[in-house]
Protein backbone atom coordinates (compact mmCIF):
# COMPACT_ATOMS: atom_id res chain seq x y z
CA MET A 1 8.39 31.70 54.42
CA SER A 2 8.67 35.33 55.73
CA ILE A 3 8.69 38.21 53.82
CA GLN A 4 12.38 38.92 54.43
CA GLU A 5 13.14 35.58 53.60
CA GLN A 6 11.44 35.63 50.00
CA ILE A 7 13.17 38.85 49.61
CA VAL A 8 16.59 37.58 50.18
CA GLY A 9 15.87 34.96 47.64
CA ILE A 10 14.71 37.59 45.24
CA VAL A 11 17.95 39.39 44.99
CA LYS A 12 19.85 36.03 45.35
CA ARG A 13 18.32 34.81 42.01
CA TYR A 14 18.34 37.97 40.06
CA PHE A 15 21.98 38.68 41.03
CA ASP A 16 23.13 35.56 40.01
CA ASN A 17 26.93 36.72 38.86
CA ALA A 18 29.46 39.07 40.46
CA VAL A 19 32.62 40.68 40.19
CA ILE A 20 34.80 41.20 43.13
CA ILE A 21 37.64 43.92 42.60
CA ASP A 22 40.05 44.56 45.52
CA ASP A 23 43.83 45.12 45.42
CA GLU A 24 44.35 42.79 48.77
CA LEU A 25 42.28 39.91 46.65
CA GLU A 26 44.31 36.52 47.84
CA PHE A 27 42.91 33.01 47.63
CA GLU A 28 43.90 30.42 50.28
CA GLN A 29 45.95 27.36 49.13
CA GLN A 30 43.27 24.45 48.15
CA ARG A 31 44.43 20.78 48.01
CA LEU A 32 42.22 18.45 46.96
CA PRO A 33 42.00 14.70 48.65
CA GLU A 34 43.84 12.19 46.92
CA ILE A 35 41.81 9.08 46.08
CA LYS A 36 42.76 5.88 45.32
CA ASP A 37 41.26 3.80 42.13
CA GLU A 38 40.15 1.17 44.62
CA GLU A 39 38.27 3.71 46.73
CA LEU A 40 36.36 5.35 43.97
CA GLY A 41 33.57 3.20 44.75
CA PHE A 42 33.34 4.26 48.33
CA ILE A 43 33.40 8.27 47.86
CA PRO A 44 32.58 9.91 51.20
CA ASP A 45 29.94 12.72 51.21
CA ASP A 46 32.26 15.43 52.20
CA VAL A 47 35.03 15.02 49.44
CA ASP A 48 34.16 18.22 48.12
CA ILE A 49 35.26 19.95 51.52
CA ILE A 50 38.49 21.60 50.97
CA ASP A 51 40.99 21.59 53.90
CA ASP A 52 42.13 25.23 53.55
CA VAL A 53 45.71 26.58 54.63
CA ALA A 54 45.83 30.28 54.33
CA PRO A 55 49.61 31.67 53.77
CA ALA A 56 50.99 32.88 57.18
CA SER A 57 51.43 35.87 55.36
CA MET A 58 47.81 36.79 54.27
CA LYS A 59 46.65 36.04 57.86
CA GLY A 60 48.48 38.81 59.53
CA GLN A 61 47.22 41.46 57.46
CA LEU A 62 43.70 41.84 57.91
CA PRO A 63 41.26 40.29 60.39
CA ALA A 64 39.62 36.81 59.17
CA ASN A 65 35.97 38.88 58.47
CA GLU A 66 37.62 41.72 56.72
CA GLN A 67 39.47 39.11 53.83
CA PRO A 68 38.21 39.56 50.74
CA GLY A 69 38.50 36.03 49.58
CA GLU A 70 35.82 35.02 52.33
CA LEU A 71 33.21 37.27 50.35
CA PHE A 72 34.46 34.97 46.99
CA HIS A 73 33.87 31.98 49.28
CA GLU A 74 30.45 32.74 50.37
CA LEU A 75 28.85 34.37 46.79
CA THR A 76 30.01 31.03 45.15
CA LYS A 77 28.53 28.73 48.02
CA GLU A 78 25.03 30.69 47.07
CA GLY A 79 25.33 29.46 43.59
CA ILE A 80 26.38 33.16 42.39
CA VAL A 81 28.91 32.94 39.64
CA THR A 82 31.73 35.25 40.63
CA PHE A 83 34.96 36.37 39.05
CA PRO A 84 37.30 37.63 41.26
CA TYR A 85 39.93 40.52 40.32
CA LYS A 86 43.25 41.76 42.36
CA TYR A 87 43.42 45.00 41.11
CA GLN A 88 47.32 46.29 40.68
CA ARG A 89 48.25 49.41 41.91
CA THR A 90 49.93 50.45 38.59
CA ALA A 91 48.83 50.98 35.56
CA ASP A 92 45.00 52.16 36.06
CA GLU A 93 43.82 52.96 32.48
CA LEU A 94 45.12 49.71 31.21
CA GLN A 95 43.28 47.40 33.81
CA LEU A 96 40.00 49.47 33.13
CA ARG A 97 40.07 48.98 29.16
CA TRP A 98 40.66 45.08 30.46
CA LEU A 99 37.84 44.82 33.05
CA SER A 100 35.25 46.99 30.57
CA SER A 101 34.25 43.53 28.57
CA ILE A 102 33.97 41.90 32.14
CA LEU A 103 31.92 44.40 33.73
CA ARG A 104 29.64 44.68 30.76
CA ASN A 105 27.54 41.46 31.87
CA ALA A 106 27.93 41.93 35.60
CA LYS A 107 25.01 42.37 37.58
CA LEU A 108 26.60 42.66 40.85
CA LEU A 109 29.99 44.60 41.50
CA PHE A 110 31.87 44.45 44.72
CA LEU A 111 34.65 46.85 44.99
CA ASP A 112 37.17 48.07 47.55
CA TRP A 113 37.19 51.52 47.73
CA ASN A 114 41.02 52.57 48.42
CA LEU A 115 42.43 50.59 45.59
CA GLU A 116 45.44 52.94 45.72
CA GLU A 117 46.24 52.03 49.23
CA ALA A 118 46.22 55.74 49.72
CA LYS A 119 47.82 56.69 53.24
CA ALA A 120 47.77 59.90 55.30
CA GLY A 121 50.27 62.20 53.59
CA SER A 122 50.73 60.39 50.05
CA SER A 123 49.68 61.75 46.47
CA SER A 124 46.83 58.90 46.06
CA VAL A 125 43.50 59.90 46.80
CA ALA A 126 41.32 57.10 47.97
CA GLY A 127 38.41 56.28 45.55
CA THR A 128 39.89 57.64 42.47
CA ALA A 129 40.43 54.29 40.62
CA SER A 130 36.93 53.09 41.88
CA LEU A 131 34.80 55.63 40.80
CA LYS A 132 36.23 55.34 37.11
CA ILE A 133 35.43 51.74 37.48
CA ILE A 134 31.84 52.15 38.61
CA GLU A 135 31.43 55.06 36.04
CA GLU A 136 32.70 52.28 33.35
CA TYR A 137 30.25 49.75 34.71
CA SER A 138 27.63 52.19 34.38
CA LYS A 139 28.15 52.77 30.60
CA VAL A 140 26.23 49.50 29.42
CA ARG A 141 22.60 49.73 30.65
CA SER A 142 21.98 46.04 30.25
CA GLY A 143 19.15 45.56 33.29
CA LEU A 144 19.51 46.43 36.75
CA LYS A 145 22.92 46.44 38.53
CA CYS A 146 24.14 46.84 41.74
CA ALA A 147 27.53 48.22 43.13
CA VAL A 148 28.43 47.47 46.72
CA ILE A 149 31.11 49.88 48.03
CA TYR A 150 33.13 48.00 50.63
CA THR A 151 35.66 49.68 52.78
CA GLN A 152 37.68 50.17 55.93
CA ALA A 153 37.07 53.84 56.08
CA ASP A 154 34.01 55.43 57.87
CA CYS A 155 31.16 54.73 55.43
CA SER A 156 29.87 58.44 55.93
CA GLU A 157 33.18 60.03 54.60
CA VAL A 158 32.93 57.44 51.48
CA LEU A 159 29.25 58.78 50.87
CA GLU A 160 30.16 62.07 51.23
CA GLU A 161 32.68 61.69 48.40
CA ILE A 162 30.40 60.18 46.03
CA SER A 163 28.09 62.48 46.58
CA SER A 164 29.04 64.77 43.97
CA HIS A 165 28.77 61.71 41.27
CA PHE A 166 25.58 59.95 42.44
CA GLU A 167 22.02 60.71 43.96
CA ILE A 168 21.99 59.78 47.86
CA VAL A 169 18.59 57.84 48.36
CA ASP A 170 19.39 57.39 52.14
CA LYS A 171 21.91 58.45 54.24
CA ASN A 172 20.82 56.21 57.21
CA ALA A 173 21.67 53.51 54.68
CA TYR A 174 24.41 54.56 52.68
CA PHE A 175 22.51 53.75 49.58
CA PHE A 176 22.88 55.65 46.49
CA GLN A 177 21.71 55.53 42.69
CA GLU A 178 22.22 57.29 39.39
CA ARG A 179 21.52 60.62 39.08
CA ASN A 180 18.38 62.15 37.13
CA ALA A 181 16.57 59.00 37.74
CA GLU A 182 13.20 59.98 36.54
CA GLU A 183 13.30 58.25 33.36
CA GLY A 184 14.75 54.88 34.33
CA ASN A 185 18.42 54.11 35.69
CA SER A 186 20.37 50.70 35.88
CA LEU A 187 22.59 51.40 38.78
CA PHE A 188 21.98 51.77 42.50
CA GLY A 189 24.69 50.73 45.15
CA PHE A 190 25.37 50.67 48.56
CA VAL A 191 28.51 51.61 51.14
CA MET A 192 29.34 49.10 53.41
CA ASN A 193 31.85 48.25 56.05
CA LYS A 194 34.03 45.59 55.59
CA GLU A 195 33.68 44.14 59.08
CA ILE A 196 29.86 43.15 57.68
CA GLN A 197 29.87 39.41 57.47
CA PRO A 198 29.52 38.31 53.69
CA SER A 199 26.62 35.95 54.36
CA ASN A 200 24.52 39.12 55.92
CA ILE A 201 24.98 41.12 52.74
CA MET A 202 22.32 39.50 50.66
CA GLU A 203 19.94 40.75 53.35
CA ILE A 204 20.99 43.70 53.53
CA ILE A 205 20.44 44.41 50.26
CA GLY A 206 17.02 43.30 50.23
CA SER A 207 16.02 45.02 53.17
CA ILE A 208 17.33 48.32 51.89
CA LEU A 209 15.49 47.73 48.99
CA LEU A 210 12.05 46.99 50.39
CA LYS A 211 12.41 50.04 52.42
CA ASP A 212 13.25 52.47 49.32
CA LYS A 213 12.59 50.86 46.24
CA SER A 214 10.01 47.85 46.63
CA ILE A 215 9.14 48.40 43.19
CA SER A 216 12.23 47.68 42.08
CA LEU A 217 12.22 44.45 43.77
CA HIS A 218 9.28 43.46 42.33
CA ILE A 219 10.85 44.09 38.84
CA LEU A 220 13.64 42.01 40.02
CA ASP A 221 11.11 39.07 40.65
CA SER A 222 9.07 39.66 37.34
CA VAL A 223 12.42 39.51 35.50
CA HIS A 224 13.74 36.06 37.12
CA ARG A 225 10.34 34.67 36.29
CA LEU A 226 10.42 35.84 32.78
CA GLU A 227 13.76 34.18 32.52
CA GLN A 228 12.45 30.81 33.76
CA SER A 229 9.82 31.37 31.29
CA ILE A 230 12.01 31.82 28.36
CA SER A 231 14.18 28.88 29.68
CA ASN A 232 11.14 26.41 29.20
CA VAL A 233 9.85 27.75 26.28
CA MET A 234 13.17 27.64 24.49
CA HIS A 235 13.31 24.21 25.62
CA ARG A 236 10.09 23.45 23.87
CA PHE A 237 10.65 24.93 20.71
CA ASN A 238 14.17 23.72 20.69
CA ALA A 239 12.63 20.50 18.73
CA PRO A 240 12.72 19.15 14.99
CA PHE A 241 9.67 20.95 13.32
CA GLU A 242 11.78 23.14 10.84
CA LYS A 243 9.92 21.57 8.15
CA VAL A 244 6.25 22.20 9.53
CA ILE A 245 7.52 25.85 10.35
CA PHE A 246 8.56 26.65 6.67
CA THR A 247 5.29 25.28 4.87
CA GLN A 248 3.58 27.62 7.40
CA MET A 249 5.61 30.47 6.24
CA ILE A 250 4.66 29.32 2.42
CA SER A 251 1.56 28.56 2.83
CA SER A 252 0.61 31.89 5.05
CA GLU A 253 2.81 34.05 1.92
CA ILE A 254 4.74 35.72 5.01
CA ASP A 255 7.31 38.01 3.34
CA SER A 256 10.67 36.97 4.30
CA ASN A 257 11.37 40.21 6.49
CA ASP A 258 8.00 39.39 8.65
CA ILE A 259 9.98 36.03 9.45
CA PRO A 260 11.68 37.18 12.64
CA ALA A 261 8.25 39.07 13.74
CA PHE A 262 6.64 35.91 13.03
CA LEU A 263 8.91 34.09 15.39
CA ASP A 264 8.96 36.74 17.83
CA ASP A 265 5.24 36.91 18.31
CA THR A 266 4.86 33.04 18.30
CA LEU A 267 7.59 32.78 20.88
CA LEU A 268 6.67 35.50 22.82
CA SER A 269 2.95 34.54 23.20
CA ASP A 270 4.12 31.01 24.68
CA VAL A 271 6.38 32.69 27.02
CA LEU A 272 3.66 34.98 28.64
CA THR A 273 1.37 32.01 28.71
CA GLU A 274 4.35 30.27 30.56
CA HIS A 275 4.83 33.44 32.78
CA SER A 276 1.13 33.80 33.89
CA LYS A 277 1.07 30.25 35.62
CA ILE A 278 4.71 31.12 37.90
CA SER A 279 3.43 32.32 41.11
CA ALA A 280 4.48 35.83 41.92
CA THR A 281 5.66 37.12 45.32
CA ASN A 282 3.64 40.44 46.44
CA PHE A 283 4.91 42.57 49.11
CA LEU A 284 4.20 46.05 47.57
CA PHE A 285 1.29 46.86 49.74
CA GLN A 286 3.38 45.33 53.06
CA SER A 287 6.17 48.08 52.19
CA LYS A 288 3.35 51.00 51.70
CA LYS A 289 1.64 49.68 55.06
CA THR A 290 5.05 49.93 56.78
CA GLU A 291 5.86 53.50 55.38
CA ILE A 292 2.40 54.91 56.24
CA LEU A 293 2.84 53.19 59.94
CA GLN A 294 6.28 55.18 60.56
CA THR A 295 4.69 58.39 59.28
CA LEU A 296 1.70 58.26 61.51
CA LEU A 297 4.05 57.22 64.66
CA GLN A 298 5.99 60.51 63.66
CA ARG A 299 3.55 62.91 64.32
CA PRO A 300 -0.32 62.83 63.95
CA ILE A 301 -1.77 64.45 60.56
CA GLU A 302 -2.37 68.27 60.99
CA GLN A 303 -5.60 70.16 59.75
CA GLN A 304 -3.39 72.42 57.59
CA GLU A 305 -1.93 69.37 55.81
CA ILE A 306 -5.42 67.96 54.95
CA GLU A 307 -6.32 71.44 53.76
CA SER A 308 -3.04 71.84 51.54
CA PHE A 309 -3.77 68.23 50.39
CA HIS A 310 -7.23 69.14 49.57
CA ALA A 311 -6.38 71.89 47.26
CA LEU A 312 -4.14 69.63 45.09
CA ILE A 313 -6.14 66.46 45.47
CA THR A 314 -9.88 66.62 45.55
CA LEU A 315 -11.76 65.15 48.56
CA LYS A 316 -15.19 64.30 47.95
CA LYS A 317 -16.28 65.12 51.27
CA LYS A 318 -13.63 67.28 53.03
CA ASP A 319 -15.16 68.28 56.34
CA LEU A 320 -15.82 64.67 57.30
CA ILE A 321 -12.65 63.28 56.44
CA VAL A 322 -11.01 66.34 58.17
CA ARG A 323 -13.15 65.04 61.23
CA LYS A 324 -11.77 61.53 61.13
CA LEU A 325 -8.09 62.28 60.31
CA LEU A 326 -8.23 64.45 63.34
CA ASP A 327 -10.13 61.90 65.75
CA SER A 328 -7.22 60.49 67.93
CA THR A 329 -9.58 57.42 68.95
CA PHE A 330 -10.25 56.53 64.97
CA MET A 331 -6.18 57.30 64.32
CA SER A 332 -5.23 55.09 67.01
CA ASN A 333 -7.30 52.39 65.27
CA ILE A 334 -5.81 52.94 62.31
CA ILE A 335 -2.27 52.61 63.43
CA GLU A 336 -3.22 49.06 65.28
CA LEU A 337 -4.46 47.99 61.56
CA LEU A 338 -1.26 48.59 60.35
CA ARG A 339 0.44 46.73 62.70
CA ASN A 340 -1.68 43.77 62.09
CA HIS A 341 0.68 41.40 59.91
CA GLU A 342 -2.81 39.63 58.63
CA LEU A 343 -3.53 43.13 56.69
CA ASP A 344 -2.40 42.46 53.48
CA SER A 345 -4.24 44.46 50.83
CA ILE A 346 -6.03 47.58 50.08
CA ALA A 347 -9.37 45.64 50.03
CA THR A 348 -8.56 44.42 53.28
CA LEU A 349 -7.72 47.79 54.61
CA LYS A 350 -10.92 49.40 53.27
CA ASP A 351 -13.15 46.16 54.95
CA GLU A 352 -11.38 47.11 58.51
CA ILE A 353 -11.82 50.76 58.20
CA MET A 354 -15.80 50.16 57.30
CA ARG A 355 -15.27 47.99 60.47
CA ILE A 356 -13.74 50.31 63.29
CA SER A 357 -15.67 53.43 62.02
CA ALA A 358 -19.34 51.31 62.76
CA ASN A 359 -20.16 51.60 58.96
CA GLN A 360 -20.26 55.19 59.41
CA LEU A 361 -18.43 55.73 56.46
CA ASN A 362 -19.24 54.78 53.05
CA ASP A 363 -17.12 53.68 50.07
CA GLU A 364 -16.66 56.94 48.94
CA HIS A 365 -15.23 58.48 52.27
CA ILE A 366 -13.10 55.32 52.58
CA ARG A 367 -11.28 56.10 49.33
CA ASP A 368 -10.36 59.56 50.46
CA ILE A 369 -9.21 58.13 53.80
CA ILE A 370 -6.88 55.62 52.11
CA LEU A 371 -5.64 58.32 49.46
CA VAL A 372 -4.40 60.44 52.21
CA LEU A 373 -2.81 57.49 53.88
CA MET A 374 -1.21 56.65 50.89
CA LEU A 375 0.40 60.01 49.88
CA ILE A 376 1.09 61.76 53.16
CA ASP A 377 4.36 60.67 53.30
CA GLY A 378 5.69 61.84 49.91
CA PHE A 379 3.70 65.39 50.82
CA ARG A 380 5.32 66.05 54.09
CA LYS A 381 8.91 65.45 52.71
CA ASN A 382 7.95 67.86 49.51
CA SER A 383 4.79 69.56 49.93
CA SER A 384 6.13 72.62 47.84
CA ASP A 385 7.10 70.67 44.93
CA PHE A 386 4.32 67.89 45.49
CA GLN A 387 2.11 68.66 42.37
CA LYS A 388 5.14 69.34 40.35
CA THR A 389 6.65 65.93 40.85
CA PHE A 390 3.63 64.09 40.97
CA GLN A 391 3.14 65.84 37.39
CA LYS A 392 6.41 64.67 36.05
CA GLN A 393 5.96 61.00 37.54
CA THR A 394 2.76 60.93 35.77
CA TYR A 395 4.39 62.11 32.43
CA TYR A 396 7.32 59.35 32.67
CA LEU A 397 4.67 56.40 33.81
CA THR A 398 2.30 57.34 30.49
CA LYS A 399 5.29 57.50 28.30
CA LEU A 400 6.50 54.18 29.70
CA MET A 401 2.90 52.36 29.55
CA LYS A 402 1.57 53.92 26.27
CA TYR A 403 3.94 54.90 23.85
CA CYS A 404 7.19 53.36 21.89
CA LYS A 405 10.09 55.08 20.10
CA THR A 406 10.16 55.23 16.27
CA ASN A 407 11.98 56.81 13.72
CA SER A 408 11.78 60.53 13.67
CA ASP A 409 10.63 60.64 10.18
CA LEU A 410 8.28 57.68 10.16
CA ILE A 411 4.55 57.84 9.35
CA ASP A 412 3.54 54.76 11.27
CA THR A 413 0.37 53.76 12.81
CA GLY A 414 -0.41 55.50 16.04
CA SER A 415 2.37 58.27 15.22
CA ILE A 416 1.56 61.33 16.97
CA TRP A 417 2.45 64.59 15.26
CA SER A 418 2.11 68.50 16.15
CA MET A 419 1.22 71.13 13.40
CA VAL A 420 4.18 73.35 12.77
CA ASP A 421 2.04 76.52 12.03
CA GLU A 422 -1.04 75.76 14.09
CA LYS A 423 -0.01 75.79 18.04
CA GLY A 424 -2.46 73.37 19.92
CA GLN A 425 -3.29 70.90 17.07
CA TYR A 426 -1.90 67.54 16.73
CA MET A 427 -2.63 64.30 14.17
CA LEU A 428 -2.80 61.27 14.83
CA CYS A 429 -2.17 58.38 11.93
CA ILE A 430 -4.48 55.63 11.99
CA THR A 431 -3.57 54.25 8.60
CA PRO A 432 -3.48 50.60 8.76
CA PHE A 433 -0.37 49.00 10.02
CA CYS A 434 -0.36 47.15 6.46
CA ASP A 435 -0.21 50.53 4.65
CA THR A 436 1.97 52.12 6.80
CA TYR A 437 4.24 49.07 6.37
CA ARG A 438 4.04 49.47 2.36
CA PRO A 439 2.79 53.06 1.89
CA GLU A 440 3.18 52.34 -1.97
CA LYS A 441 0.15 50.46 -1.99
CA VAL A 442 -2.01 53.36 -1.00
CA ASN A 443 0.08 56.03 -3.24
CA HIS A 444 1.67 56.88 0.04
CA ILE A 445 -1.23 58.78 1.29
CA TYR A 446 -1.84 58.54 4.88
CA LYS A 447 -5.04 59.26 6.92
CA PHE A 448 -4.85 61.45 10.50
CA ILE A 449 -7.40 62.26 13.07
CA VAL A 450 -7.16 65.76 13.92
CA GLY A 451 -6.94 66.50 18.01
CA ARG A 452 -6.79 69.68 19.61
CA ALA A 453 -5.27 70.26 23.11
CA THR A 454 -7.95 70.21 25.83
CA SER A 455 -7.96 70.83 29.67
CA PRO A 456 -8.83 67.62 31.39
CA THR A 457 -12.00 67.55 33.17
CA GLU A 458 -13.72 64.55 35.22
CA LYS A 459 -15.69 63.67 32.12
CA LEU A 460 -13.33 64.02 29.42
CA LEU A 461 -10.88 61.85 31.43
CA ASN A 462 -13.70 58.98 31.42
CA ASN A 463 -13.20 58.92 27.64
CA LYS A 464 -16.28 56.98 26.71
CA ASP A 465 -17.79 59.59 24.39
CA THR A 466 -18.77 57.79 21.04
CA ASN A 467 -17.60 61.01 18.99
CA PHE A 468 -14.14 61.63 20.19
CA ALA A 469 -11.25 60.04 22.02
CA PHE A 470 -9.21 61.84 24.88
CA ILE A 471 -6.01 60.89 25.35
CA SER A 472 -2.65 62.30 27.30
CA VAL A 473 0.59 62.76 25.05
CA PRO A 474 3.84 63.12 26.79
CA LEU A 475 5.88 66.43 25.51
CA GLU A 476 9.62 65.67 25.53
CA GLU A 477 10.93 68.82 25.74
CA SER A 478 8.96 70.15 28.53
CA LYS A 479 8.69 66.72 30.44
CA SER A 480 5.09 67.30 30.47
CA LEU A 481 1.56 66.17 29.29
CA VAL A 482 -0.60 67.65 26.99
CA PHE A 483 -4.07 66.38 26.91
CA VAL A 484 -5.50 66.09 23.50
CA LYS A 485 -9.10 65.55 22.12
CA TRP A 486 -9.02 63.36 18.68
CA GLU A 487 -11.92 64.66 16.91
CA PHE A 488 -13.57 61.43 14.93
CA TYR A 489 -15.69 63.74 12.97
CA ASN A 490 -12.63 65.85 12.00
CA VAL A 491 -10.45 63.31 9.55
CA VAL A 492 -7.98 64.56 6.87
CA SER A 493 -5.45 62.76 4.41
CA MET A 494 -2.25 63.91 3.17
CA ASP A 495 0.56 62.63 1.32
CA GLY A 496 3.77 61.56 3.08
CA ALA A 497 6.02 64.37 1.54
CA SER A 498 3.52 66.96 2.66
CA ALA A 499 3.08 65.42 6.20
CA LEU A 500 6.70 65.39 6.97
CA GLN A 501 7.05 69.04 5.86
CA LYS A 502 3.80 70.75 7.96
CA MET A 503 3.95 68.55 10.84
CA ARG A 504 6.74 67.42 13.33
CA LYS A 505 6.49 64.32 15.18
CA ILE A 506 6.18 63.81 19.03
CA THR A 507 6.08 59.90 19.56
CA THR A 508 3.93 56.96 18.80
CA LEU A 509 1.19 55.04 20.63
CA LYS A 510 1.23 51.33 21.38
CA LYS A 511 -0.32 49.17 18.98
CA GLU A 512 -3.04 48.15 21.73
CA TYR A 513 -3.85 51.76 22.42
CA VAL A 514 -4.07 52.95 18.92
CA GLN A 515 -5.78 50.00 17.64
CA ASN A 516 -8.60 50.79 20.36
CA ILE A 517 -8.67 54.64 18.59
CA ILE A 518 -9.64 52.89 15.16
CA ASN A 519 -11.57 50.56 16.39
CA ARG A 520 -13.64 53.23 18.45
CA TYR A 521 -13.42 55.11 15.17
CA ILE A 522 -14.66 52.65 12.60
CA GLY A 523 -17.48 51.49 15.11
CA TYR A 524 -16.68 47.90 15.70
CA GLN A 525 -15.12 48.13 19.18
CA ALA A 526 -17.06 48.22 22.19
CA ARG A 527 -17.97 51.27 23.78
CA ALA A 528 -16.36 51.06 27.21
CA GLY A 529 -13.17 52.92 26.11
CA VAL A 530 -9.81 53.22 27.67
CA ASN A 531 -9.14 54.46 31.10
CA GLU A 532 -7.05 57.80 30.93
CA LEU A 533 -3.85 57.60 33.17
CA PHE A 534 -4.94 54.40 34.45
CA TYR A 535 -7.10 55.46 37.14
CA LYS A 536 -9.89 53.77 37.93
CA GLU A 537 -13.21 55.87 37.66
CA SER A 538 -13.87 55.94 41.21
CA TYR A 539 -10.87 57.57 41.67
CA ARG A 540 -10.38 59.91 38.75
CA SER A 541 -12.13 62.85 39.87
CA HIS A 542 -9.60 63.48 42.58
CA PHE A 543 -6.57 64.07 40.36
CA VAL A 544 -8.13 66.64 37.80
CA ASP A 545 -7.16 69.64 39.57
CA LEU A 546 -3.28 67.99 40.11
CA LEU A 547 -3.02 67.23 36.40
CA SER A 548 -4.34 70.74 35.58
């Protein structure tokens, strides 16, 4: 199966329900064949085929490939549960309220742009109702949603109309998404002409996502596999063993408030085990490879680009890297490598670069070359703000991967606090989970490791010292990271009331990360530490200057 076929499959599997809203939505008259009792034993294979006869009035209104009903039939044929709605050109607000409950759970929305049937000289403005509907559609953030605006008008003009409401990702593909997407968004969408065959729409969506949002495609695939895992686990857990479960709860003396968490943990562990058995589609490298190839074909890498790049991201052997990247023969070989469909991973790319260099480059040199290739497209598009954008993306990724939201006044294990009167000093709560859950057992006394803001260095980012832990902490106000050195030899105890008075809560580390620090603090954890910012040791030194 080709990558394109895999992608179309992912799109169809995730977007398994849809809503169509069009003011010209009509359905052909459907007549089922009559079957006599004596014929029931000889039902033909094509009994479900409907001999459709469209009303003459409808046939004359639109060309066949622009009939909205055709889109409905195509979606249902693909197994996508589809709700069609014929929009009335009056009572907009009443219809919007009625549609809101339908839109809440819809993954895919097909929306006619000109629901008002606005014409030249009329008081109606095309797109007014559609924009209100999309706004309502995006209110509930339940997974990823896709809105397809399909129109008989010029797609560029429609894209221009919505540009004040949405961020335009790709003008050529008529691809848009919600604004302020750095911290995540639910809605993305496309403008498509009604002349596009409905059978091609999913392929078009998949192709554009592969080019501009390949990670989102991986998320769609992961979500579908998780849903499969959950379904399998629910089937197994929906069995008569309530008596045994209750005896386990009683014998383990589980508090009644902890029972939901007990069941969640039991279910989730089985879901994740099941999830690991289902093979995933991996096309992220292929997408990046195509991007690099297109960038190099547009124009060769120039020395000034490498110099500017090196000012932000340290290249260990800059002069050698410059010579190789400016060598036309070497770069022609790189381009041929990228054209090879069998090149399917960074590891393979490393081996091939080693081969074409006749083993004149070592692993460190090749890492630097690949680093430039991977980032050069983004650097070219926005070199002046490259560092700012990189730091902001690192902030959001760190926040997503390592931290969780909890109540602002809750002193919980892993919560990080800033001292109100001492700038640059922070507190990390390392009181055991059971005691922060029931603080009365320890007289509401909490234990904190003292931390101080410290500029990152390669040694600190290694995070392997036995006397302290070094982690990045996301600051919500500035959307930036502060690097904190947590001193195992500097620990204080404080009662809850004083803590809330003297400190302000910033965020809370996820359980596995704070447990790692607690284990290191008490000396039981293996001394390897946790790689800060998820960069492997071989690459970590490149990013010290960029993050400073």
